[in-house]
């Protein structure tokens, strides 16, 4: 499992030009089961996504196509972790 941390590297006005495209792209990843949960940071300087994808290389391929990355207004970092505990409704993700 991975935490994807998006960080905006351009002014928010520039980021806003691609936000709708980004949200549409990310929505597709949720529909296809690649992403579990996510949303913007407060204050709005980026966002966080939790992914249940198994291979880092596959996540990188997905992220390279995200409009925020393609347009150079955001960068991302990945943190891999193994879930050991969760709330009852998330037990299916615990190893």
PDB file of N, CA and C in Angstrom:
ATOM      1  N   UNK A   1       0.853  -1.167   0.000  1.00  0.00           N
ATOM      2  CA  UNK A   1       0.000   0.000   0.000  1.00  0.00           C
ATOM      3  C   UNK A   1       0.901   1.233   0.000  1.00  0.00           C
ATOM      4  N   UNK A   2       0.401   2.302  -0.612  1.00  0.00           N
ATOM      5  CA  UNK A   2       1.203   3.515  -0.757  1.00  0.00           C
ATOM      6  C   UNK A   2       0.417   4.759  -0.360  1.00  0.00           C
ATOM      7  N   UNK A   3       1.136   5.718   0.199  1.00  0.00           N
ATOM      8  CA  UNK A   3       0.625   7.071   0.375  1.00  0.00           C
ATOM      9  C   UNK A   3       1.265   7.906  -0.728  1.00  0.00           C
ATOM     10  N   UNK A   4       0.431   8.558  -1.511  1.00  0.00           N
ATOM     11  CA  UNK A   4       0.902   9.453  -2.569  1.00  0.00           C
ATOM     12  C   UNK A   4       0.699  10.875  -2.064  1.00  0.00           C
ATOM     13  N   UNK A   5       1.773  11.619  -1.993  1.00  0.00           N
ATOM     14  CA  UNK A   5       1.719  12.998  -1.504  1.00  0.00           C
ATOM     15  C   UNK A   5       1.997  13.927  -2.682  1.00  0.00           C
ATOM     16  N   UNK A   6       0.953  14.636  -3.118  1.00  0.00           N
ATOM     17  CA  UNK A   6       1.109  15.633  -4.178  1.00  0.00           C
ATOM     18  C   UNK A   6       1.487  16.967  -3.549  1.00  0.00           C
ATOM     19  N   UNK A   7       2.434  17.657  -4.157  1.00  0.00           N
ATOM     20  CA  UNK A   7       2.875  18.968  -3.686  1.00  0.00           C
ATOM     21  C   UNK A   7       2.847  19.931  -4.872  1.00  0.00           C
ATOM     22  N   UNK A   8       2.091  21.014  -4.739  1.00  0.00           N
ATOM     23  CA  UNK A   8       2.042  22.002  -5.814  1.00  0.00           C
ATOM     24  C   UNK A   8       3.360  22.772  -5.859  1.00  0.00           C
ATOM     25  N   UNK A   9       3.899  22.925  -7.067  1.00  0.00           N
ATOM     26  CA  UNK A   9       5.175  23.630  -7.233  1.00  0.00           C
ATOM     27  C   UNK A   9       5.015  24.908  -8.061  1.00  0.00           C
ATOM     28  N   UNK A  10       3.793  25.217  -8.435  1.00  0.00           N
ATOM     29  CA  UNK A  10       3.471  26.453  -9.151  1.00  0.00           C
ATOM     30  C   UNK A  10       2.386  27.183  -8.370  1.00  0.00           C
ATOM     31  N   UNK A  11       2.175  28.466  -8.633  1.00  0.00           N
ATOM     32  CA  UNK A  11       1.114  29.212  -7.942  1.00  0.00           C
ATOM     33  C   UNK A  11      -0.252  28.547  -8.135  1.00  0.00           C
ATOM     34  N   UNK A  12      -1.102  28.677  -7.135  1.00  0.00           N
ATOM     35  CA  UNK A  12      -2.409  28.018  -7.144  1.00  0.00           C
ATOM     36  C   UNK A  12      -3.245  28.411  -8.361  1.00  0.00           C
ATOM     37  N   UNK A  13      -3.071  29.636  -8.852  1.00  0.00           N
ATOM     38  CA  UNK A  13      -3.800  30.065 -10.049  1.00  0.00           C
ATOM     39  C   UNK A  13      -3.447  29.185 -11.252  1.00  0.00           C
ATOM     40  N   UNK A  14      -2.187  28.803 -11.338  1.00  0.00           N
ATOM     41  CA  UNK A  14      -1.752  27.927 -12.427  1.00  0.00           C
ATOM     42  C   UNK A  14      -2.259  26.504 -12.202  1.00  0.00           C
ATOM     43  N   UNK A  15      -2.202  26.039 -10.960  1.00  0.00           N
ATOM     44  CA  UNK A  15      -2.720  24.709 -10.613  1.00  0.00           C
ATOM     45  C   UNK A  15      -4.199  24.614 -10.977  1.00  0.00           C
ATOM     46  N   UNK A  16      -4.953  25.671 -10.682  1.00  0.00           N
ATOM     47  CA  UNK A  16      -6.401  25.669 -10.921  1.00  0.00           C
ATOM     48  C   UNK A  16      -6.762  25.428 -12.384  1.00  0.00           C
ATOM     49  N   UNK A  17      -5.880  25.773 -13.294  1.00  0.00           N
ATOM     50  CA  UNK A  17      -6.145  25.551 -14.724  1.00  0.00           C
ATOM     51  C   UNK A  17      -6.299  24.067 -15.049  1.00  0.00           C
ATOM     52  N   UNK A  18      -5.693  23.209 -14.226  1.00  0.00           N
ATOM     53  CA  UNK A  18      -5.666  21.772 -14.512  1.00  0.00           C
ATOM     54  C   UNK A  18      -6.407  20.943 -13.464  1.00  0.00           C
ATOM     55  N   UNK A  19      -7.041  21.604 -12.500  1.00  0.00           N
ATOM     56  CA  UNK A  19      -7.686  20.880 -11.401  1.00  0.00           C
ATOM     57  C   UNK A  19      -8.813  19.978 -11.888  1.00  0.00           C
ATOM     58  N   UNK A  20      -9.657  20.471 -12.775  1.00  0.00           N
ATOM     59  CA  UNK A  20     -10.772  19.642 -13.261  1.00  0.00           C
ATOM     60  C   UNK A  20     -10.254  18.418 -14.011  1.00  0.00           C
ATOM     61  N   UNK A  21      -9.252  18.604 -14.857  1.00  0.00           N
ATOM     62  CA  UNK A  21      -8.657  17.470 -15.581  1.00  0.00           C
ATOM     63  C   UNK A  21      -8.059  16.468 -14.596  1.00  0.00           C
ATOM     64  N   UNK A  22      -7.375  16.979 -13.578  1.00  0.00           N
ATOM     65  CA  UNK A  22      -6.782  16.124 -12.550  1.00  0.00           C
ATOM     66  C   UNK A  22      -7.867  15.321 -11.838  1.00  0.00           C
ATOM     67  N   UNK A  23      -8.926  15.988 -11.421  1.00  0.00           N
ATOM     68  CA  UNK A  23     -10.000  15.289 -10.693  1.00  0.00           C
ATOM     69  C   UNK A  23     -10.661  14.228 -11.560  1.00  0.00           C
ATOM     70  N   UNK A  24     -10.849  14.504 -12.831  1.00  0.00           N
ATOM     71  CA  UNK A  24     -11.407  13.499 -13.740  1.00  0.00           C
ATOM     72  C   UNK A  24     -10.471  12.304 -13.871  1.00  0.00           C
ATOM     73  N   UNK A  25      -9.184  12.579 -13.985  1.00  0.00           N
ATOM     74  CA  UNK A  25      -8.199  11.499 -14.101  1.00  0.00           C
ATOM     75  C   UNK A  25      -8.168  10.661 -12.825  1.00  0.00           C
ATOM     76  N   UNK A  26      -8.153  11.323 -11.689  1.00  0.00           N
ATOM     77  CA  UNK A  26      -8.112  10.618 -10.406  1.00  0.00           C
ATOM     78  C   UNK A  26      -9.402   9.819 -10.197  1.00  0.00           C
ATOM     79  N   UNK A  27     -10.548  10.374 -10.589  1.00  0.00           N
ATOM     80  CA  UNK A  27     -11.823   9.656 -10.452  1.00  0.00           C
ATOM     81  C   UNK A  27     -11.767   8.318 -11.191  1.00  0.00           C
ATOM     82  N   UNK A  28     -11.132   8.314 -12.343  1.00  0.00           N
ATOM     83  CA  UNK A  28     -10.983   7.064 -13.104  1.00  0.00           C
ATOM     84  C   UNK A  28     -10.143   6.053 -12.323  1.00  0.00           C
ATOM     85  N   UNK A  29      -9.127   6.529 -11.625  1.00  0.00           N
ATOM     86  CA  UNK A  29      -8.281   5.620 -10.843  1.00  0.00           C
ATOM     87  C   UNK A  29      -9.077   4.998  -9.689  1.00  0.00           C
ATOM     88  N   UNK A  30      -9.961   5.785  -9.081  1.00  0.00           N
ATOM     89  CA  UNK A  30     -10.840   5.243  -8.037  1.00  0.00           C
ATOM     90  C   UNK A  30     -11.785   4.204  -8.627  1.00  0.00           C
ATOM     91  N   UNK A  31     -12.387   4.519  -9.772  1.00  0.00           N
ATOM     92  CA  UNK A  31     -13.318   3.594 -10.423  1.00  0.00           C
ATOM     93  C   UNK A  31     -12.651   2.269 -10.754  1.00  0.00           C
ATOM     94  N   UNK A  32     -11.385   2.320 -11.129  1.00  0.00           N
ATOM     95  CA  UNK A  32     -10.655   1.109 -11.505  1.00  0.00           C
ATOM     96  C   UNK A  32     -10.004   0.425 -10.308  1.00  0.00           C
ATOM     97  N   UNK A  33     -10.225   0.958  -9.100  1.00  0.00           N
ATOM     98  CA  UNK A  33      -9.740   0.310  -7.885  1.00  0.00           C
ATOM     99  C   UNK A  33      -8.287   0.564  -7.547  1.00  0.00           C
ATOM    100  N   UNK A  34      -7.659   1.505  -8.226  1.00  0.00           N
ATOM    101  CA  UNK A  34      -6.248   1.801  -7.946  1.00  0.00           C
ATOM    102  C   UNK A  34      -6.074   2.660  -6.697  1.00  0.00           C
ATOM    103  N   UNK A  35      -7.000   3.575  -6.472  1.00  0.00           N
ATOM    104  CA  UNK A  35      -6.933   4.482  -5.327  1.00  0.00           C
ATOM    105  C   UNK A  35      -8.082   4.170  -4.377  1.00  0.00           C
ATOM    106  N   UNK A  36      -7.837   4.349  -3.067  1.00  0.00           N
ATOM    107  CA  UNK A  36      -8.827   4.033  -2.036  1.00  0.00           C
ATOM    108  C   UNK A  36      -9.507   5.283  -1.501  1.00  0.00           C
ATOM    109  N   UNK A  37      -8.709   6.273  -1.143  1.00  0.00           N
ATOM    110  CA  UNK A  37      -9.238   7.505  -0.539  1.00  0.00           C
ATOM    111  C   UNK A  37      -8.216   8.616  -0.748  1.00  0.00           C
ATOM    112  N   UNK A  38      -8.671   9.842  -0.760  1.00  0.00           N
ATOM    113  CA  UNK A  38      -7.745  10.959  -0.911  1.00  0.00           C
ATOM    114  C   UNK A  38      -8.469  12.281  -0.908  1.00  0.00           C
ATOM    115  N   UNK A  39      -7.690  13.344  -0.984  1.00  0.00           N
ATOM    116  CA  UNK A  39      -8.266  14.675  -1.022  1.00  0.00           C
ATOM    117  C   UNK A  39      -7.203  15.737  -0.873  1.00  0.00           C
ATOM    118  N   UNK A  40      -7.635  17.003  -0.961  1.00  0.00           N
ATOM    119  CA  UNK A  40      -6.685  18.119  -0.891  1.00  0.00           C
ATOM    120  C   UNK A  40      -6.166  18.353   0.521  1.00  0.00           C
ATOM    121  N   UNK A  41      -4.979  18.913   0.593  1.00  0.00           N
ATOM    122  CA  UNK A  41      -4.421  19.350   1.874  1.00  0.00           C
ATOM    123  C   UNK A  41      -5.058  20.675   2.263  1.00  0.00           C
ATOM    124  N   UNK A  42      -5.056  20.967   3.534  1.00  0.00           N
ATOM    125  CA  UNK A  42      -5.518  22.264   4.055  1.00  0.00           C
ATOM    126  C   UNK A  42      -4.376  22.885   4.840  1.00  0.00           C
ATOM    127  N   UNK A  43      -3.879  24.030   4.460  1.00  0.00           N
ATOM    128  CA  UNK A  43      -4.285  24.828   3.309  1.00  0.00           C
ATOM    129  C   UNK A  43      -3.956  24.107   2.005  1.00  0.00           C
ATOM    130  N   UNK A  44      -4.533  24.578   0.936  1.00  0.00           N
ATOM    131  CA  UNK A  44      -4.457  23.897  -0.359  1.00  0.00           C
ATOM    132  C   UNK A  44      -3.074  24.058  -0.998  1.00  0.00           C
ATOM    133  N   UNK A  45      -2.186  23.154  -0.618  1.00  0.00           N
ATOM    134  CA  UNK A  45      -0.822  23.160  -1.146  1.00  0.00           C
ATOM    135  C   UNK A  45      -0.483  21.855  -1.855  1.00  0.00           C
ATOM    136  N   UNK A  46      -1.472  20.976  -1.979  1.00  0.00           N
ATOM    137  CA  UNK A  46      -1.270  19.670  -2.592  1.00  0.00           C
ATOM    138  C   UNK A  46      -2.388  18.746  -2.188  1.00  0.00           C
ATOM    139  N   UNK A  47      -2.092  17.453  -2.154  1.00  0.00           N
ATOM    140  CA  UNK A  47      -3.104  16.477  -1.779  1.00  0.00           C
ATOM    141  C   UNK A  47      -2.478  15.162  -1.381  1.00  0.00           C
ATOM    142  N   UNK A  48      -3.308  14.303  -0.818  1.00  0.00           N
ATOM    143  CA  UNK A  48      -2.892  12.970  -0.382  1.00  0.00           C
ATOM    144  C   UNK A  48      -3.834  11.947  -1.003  1.00  0.00           C
ATOM    145  N   UNK A  49      -3.272  10.828  -1.448  1.00  0.00           N
ATOM    146  CA  UNK A  49      -4.062   9.701  -1.938  1.00  0.00           C
ATOM    147  C   UNK A  49      -3.478   8.437  -1.327  1.00  0.00           C
ATOM    148  N   UNK A  50      -4.359   7.530  -0.918  1.00  0.00           N
ATOM    149  CA  UNK A  50      -3.939   6.200  -0.467  1.00  0.00           C
ATOM    150  C   UNK A  50      -4.245   5.235  -1.606  1.00  0.00           C
ATOM    151  N   UNK A  51      -3.255   4.451  -1.983  1.00  0.00           N
ATOM    152  CA  UNK A  51      -3.401   3.494  -3.077  1.00  0.00           C
ATOM    153  C   UNK A  51      -3.113   2.085  -2.583  1.00  0.00           C
ATOM    154  N   UNK A  52      -3.918   1.147  -3.049  1.00  0.00           N
ATOM    155  CA  UNK A  52      -3.704  -0.264  -2.730  1.00  0.00           C
ATOM    156  C   UNK A  52      -2.961  -0.983  -3.857  1.00  0.00           C
ATOM    157  N   UNK A  53      -2.390  -0.232  -4.784  1.00  0.00           N
ATOM    158  CA  UNK A  53      -1.618  -0.859  -5.853  1.00  0.00           C
ATOM    159  C   UNK A  53      -0.405  -1.552  -5.239  1.00  0.00           C
ATOM    160  N   UNK A  54      -0.003  -2.646  -5.840  1.00  0.00           N
ATOM    161  CA  UNK A  54       1.044  -3.480  -5.250  1.00  0.00           C
ATOM    162  C   UNK A  54       2.461  -3.095  -5.679  1.00  0.00           C
ATOM    163  N   UNK A  55       2.607  -2.578  -6.879  1.00  0.00           N
ATOM    164  CA  UNK A  55       3.943  -2.322  -7.421  1.00  0.00           C
ATOM    165  C   UNK A  55       4.184  -0.831  -7.611  1.00  0.00           C
ATOM    166  N   UNK A  56       5.294  -0.372  -7.076  1.00  0.00           N
ATOM    167  CA  UNK A  56       5.665   1.039  -7.178  1.00  0.00           C
ATOM    168  C   UNK A  56       5.759   1.488  -8.635  1.00  0.00           C
ATOM    169  N   UNK A  57       6.298   0.635  -9.478  1.00  0.00           N
ATOM    170  CA  UNK A  57       6.460   0.980 -10.890  1.00  0.00           C
ATOM    171  C   UNK A  57       5.113   1.255 -11.546  1.00  0.00           C
ATOM    172  N   UNK A  58       4.082   0.490 -11.156  1.00  0.00           N
ATOM    173  CA  UNK A  58       2.748   0.686 -11.727  1.00  0.00           C
ATOM    174  C   UNK A  58       2.151   2.020 -11.281  1.00  0.00           C
ATOM    175  N   UNK A  59       2.356   2.377 -10.027  1.00  0.00           N
ATOM    176  CA  UNK A  59       1.861   3.669  -9.531  1.00  0.00           C
ATOM    177  C   UNK A  59       2.555   4.809 -10.268  1.00  0.00           C
ATOM    178  N   UNK A  60       3.848   4.686 -10.453  1.00  0.00           N
ATOM    179  CA  UNK A  60       4.600   5.727 -11.160  1.00  0.00           C
ATOM    180  C   UNK A  60       4.044   5.921 -12.567  1.00  0.00           C
ATOM    181  N   UNK A  61       3.716   4.827 -13.251  1.00  0.00           N
ATOM    182  CA  UNK A  61       3.143   4.936 -14.596  1.00  0.00           C
ATOM    183  C   UNK A  61       1.807   5.669 -14.572  1.00  0.00           C
ATOM    184  N   UNK A  62       0.976   5.390 -13.564  1.00  0.00           N
ATOM    185  CA  UNK A  62      -0.311   6.079 -13.426  1.00  0.00           C
ATOM    186  C   UNK A  62      -0.081   7.560 -13.145  1.00  0.00           C
ATOM    187  N   UNK A  63       0.820   7.865 -12.228  1.00  0.00           N
ATOM    188  CA  UNK A  63       1.047   9.255 -11.823  1.00  0.00           C
ATOM    189  C   UNK A  63       1.668  10.088 -12.941  1.00  0.00           C
ATOM    190  N   UNK A  64       2.496   9.487 -13.769  1.00  0.00           N
ATOM    191  CA  UNK A  64       3.118  10.217 -14.880  1.00  0.00           C
ATOM    192  C   UNK A  64       2.088  10.775 -15.852  1.00  0.00           C
ATOM    193  N   UNK A  65       0.874  10.197 -15.853  1.00  0.00           N
ATOM    194  CA  UNK A  65      -0.181  10.633 -16.771  1.00  0.00           C
ATOM    195  C   UNK A  65      -1.149  11.614 -16.125  1.00  0.00           C
ATOM    196  N   UNK A  66      -0.989  11.871 -14.825  1.00  0.00           N
ATOM    197  CA  UNK A  66      -1.868  12.821 -14.137  1.00  0.00           C
ATOM    198  C   UNK A  66      -1.636  14.218 -14.719  1.00  0.00           C
ATOM    199  N   UNK A  67      -2.702  14.934 -15.082  1.00  0.00           N
ATOM    200  CA  UNK A  67      -2.533  16.266 -15.679  1.00  0.00           C
ATOM    201  C   UNK A  67      -1.695  17.237 -14.845  1.00  0.00           C
ATOM    202  N   UNK A  68      -1.767  17.178 -13.530  1.00  0.00           N
ATOM    203  CA  UNK A  68      -0.948  18.086 -12.710  1.00  0.00           C
ATOM    204  C   UNK A  68       0.542  17.802 -12.888  1.00  0.00           C
ATOM    205  N   UNK A  69       0.877  16.534 -13.065  1.00  0.00           N
ATOM    206  CA  UNK A  69       2.276  16.152 -13.271  1.00  0.00           C
ATOM    207  C   UNK A  69       2.689  16.473 -14.709  1.00  0.00           C
ATOM    208  N   UNK A  70       1.847  16.101 -15.661  1.00  0.00           N
ATOM    209  CA  UNK A  70       2.132  16.352 -17.081  1.00  0.00           C
ATOM    210  C   UNK A  70       2.384  17.835 -17.331  1.00  0.00           C
ATOM    211  N   UNK A  71       1.583  18.696 -16.711  1.00  0.00           N
ATOM    212  CA  UNK A  71       1.690  20.145 -16.922  1.00  0.00           C
ATOM    213  C   UNK A  71       2.751  20.802 -16.039  1.00  0.00           C
ATOM    214  N   UNK A  72       3.390  20.028 -15.172  1.00  0.00           N
ATOM    215  CA  UNK A  72       4.494  20.552 -14.369  1.00  0.00           C
ATOM    216  C   UNK A  72       4.097  21.484 -13.245  1.00  0.00           C
ATOM    217  N   UNK A  73       2.855  21.366 -12.764  1.00  0.00           N
ATOM    218  CA  UNK A  73       2.418  22.242 -11.674  1.00  0.00           C
ATOM    219  C   UNK A  73       2.459  21.547 -10.314  1.00  0.00           C
ATOM    220  N   UNK A  74       2.735  20.244 -10.324  1.00  0.00           N
ATOM    221  CA  UNK A  74       2.832  19.489  -9.070  1.00  0.00           C
ATOM    222  C   UNK A  74       3.900  18.421  -9.214  1.00  0.00           C
ATOM    223  N   UNK A  75       4.377  17.979  -8.069  1.00  0.00           N
ATOM    224  CA  UNK A  75       5.268  16.826  -8.004  1.00  0.00           C
ATOM    225  C   UNK A  75       4.673  15.889  -6.967  1.00  0.00           C
ATOM    226  N   UNK A  76       5.195  14.679  -6.880  1.00  0.00           N
ATOM    227  CA  UNK A  76       4.659  13.732  -5.915  1.00  0.00           C
ATOM    228  C   UNK A  76       5.792  12.973  -5.244  1.00  0.00           C
ATOM    229  N   UNK A  77       5.479  12.427  -4.089  1.00  0.00           N
ATOM    230  CA  UNK A  77       6.371  11.482  -3.432  1.00  0.00           C
ATOM    231  C   UNK A  77       5.536  10.280  -3.017  1.00  0.00           C
ATOM    232  N   UNK A  78       6.181   9.133  -2.925  1.00  0.00           N
ATOM    233  CA  UNK A  78       5.510   7.891  -2.547  1.00  0.00           C
ATOM    234  C   UNK A  78       6.089   7.371  -1.246  1.00  0.00           C
ATOM    235  N   UNK A  79       5.214   6.919  -0.367  1.00  0.00           N
ATOM    236  CA  UNK A  79       5.621   6.250   0.862  1.00  0.00           C
ATOM    237  C   UNK A  79       4.927   4.899   0.888  1.00  0.00           C
ATOM    238  N   UNK A  80       5.709   3.838   0.879  1.00  0.00           N
ATOM    239  CA  UNK A  80       5.133   2.498   0.942  1.00  0.00           C
ATOM    240  C   UNK A  80       5.007   2.074   2.396  1.00  0.00           C
ATOM    241  N   UNK A  81       3.892   1.413   2.718  1.00  0.00           N
ATOM    242  CA  UNK A  81       3.721   0.904   4.077  1.00  0.00           C
ATOM    243  C   UNK A  81       2.884  -0.366   4.052  1.00  0.00           C
ATOM    244  N   UNK A  82       2.970  -1.127   5.137  1.00  0.00           N
ATOM    245  CA  UNK A  82       2.190  -2.344   5.314  1.00  0.00           C
ATOM    246  C   UNK A  82       1.162  -2.106   6.403  1.00  0.00           C
ATOM    247  N   UNK A  83      -0.123  -2.093   6.061  1.00  0.00           N
ATOM    248  CA  UNK A  83      -1.155  -1.869   7.074  1.00  0.00           C
ATOM    249  C   UNK A  83      -1.228  -3.052   8.040  1.00  0.00           C
ATOM    250  N   UNK A  84      -1.146  -2.771   9.318  1.00  0.00           N
ATOM    251  CA  UNK A  84      -1.244  -3.811  10.339  1.00  0.00           C
ATOM    252  C   UNK A  84      -2.496  -3.677  11.190  1.00  0.00           C
ATOM    253  N   UNK A  85      -3.053  -2.473  11.263  1.00  0.00           N
ATOM    254  CA  UNK A  85      -4.261  -2.229  12.047  1.00  0.00           C
ATOM    255  C   UNK A  85      -5.177  -1.302  11.265  1.00  0.00           C
ATOM    256  N   UNK A  86      -6.483  -1.417  11.551  1.00  0.00           N
ATOM    257  CA  UNK A  86      -7.446  -0.541  10.887  1.00  0.00           C
ATOM    258  C   UNK A  86      -8.761  -0.539  11.649  1.00  0.00           C
ATOM    259  N   UNK A  87      -9.616   0.398  11.270  1.00  0.00           N
ATOM    260  CA  UNK A  87     -10.997   0.374  11.736  1.00  0.00           C
ATOM    261  C   UNK A  87     -11.671  -0.858  11.131  1.00  0.00           C
ATOM    262  N   UNK A  88     -12.747  -1.285  11.733  1.00  0.00           N
ATOM    263  CA  UNK A  88     -13.431  -2.512  11.306  1.00  0.00           C
ATOM    264  C   UNK A  88     -13.793  -2.493   9.821  1.00  0.00           C
ATOM    265  N   UNK A  89     -14.267  -1.367   9.328  1.00  0.00           N
ATOM    266  CA  UNK A  89     -14.702  -1.299   7.929  1.00  0.00           C
ATOM    267  C   UNK A  89     -13.549  -1.302   6.920  1.00  0.00           C
ATOM    268  N   UNK A  90     -12.312  -1.297   7.396  1.00  0.00           N
ATOM    269  CA  UNK A  90     -11.147  -1.326   6.503  1.00  0.00           C
ATOM    270  C   UNK A  90     -10.312  -2.592   6.674  1.00  0.00           C
ATOM    271  N   UNK A  91     -10.830  -3.580   7.373  1.00  0.00           N
ATOM    272  CA  UNK A  91     -10.065  -4.801   7.676  1.00  0.00           C
ATOM    273  C   UNK A  91      -9.563  -5.514   6.424  1.00  0.00           C
ATOM    274  N   UNK A  92     -10.244  -5.370   5.306  1.00  0.00           N
ATOM    275  CA  UNK A  92      -9.816  -6.064   4.089  1.00  0.00           C
ATOM    276  C   UNK A  92      -8.453  -5.579   3.596  1.00  0.00           C
ATOM    277  N   UNK A  93      -7.999  -4.422   4.064  1.00  0.00           N
ATOM    278  CA  UNK A  93      -6.707  -3.882   3.643  1.00  0.00           C
ATOM    279  C   UNK A  93      -5.559  -4.280   4.557  1.00  0.00           C
ATOM    280  N   UNK A  94      -5.868  -4.884   5.695  1.00  0.00           N
ATOM    281  CA  UNK A  94      -4.839  -5.234   6.675  1.00  0.00           C
ATOM    282  C   UNK A  94      -4.213  -6.561   6.290  1.00  0.00           C
ATOM    283  N   UNK A  95      -2.893  -6.593   6.362  1.00  0.00           N
ATOM    284  CA  UNK A  95      -2.146  -7.809   6.003  1.00  0.00           C
ATOM    285  C   UNK A  95      -2.105  -8.777   7.163  1.00  0.00           C
TER     286      UNK A  95
END
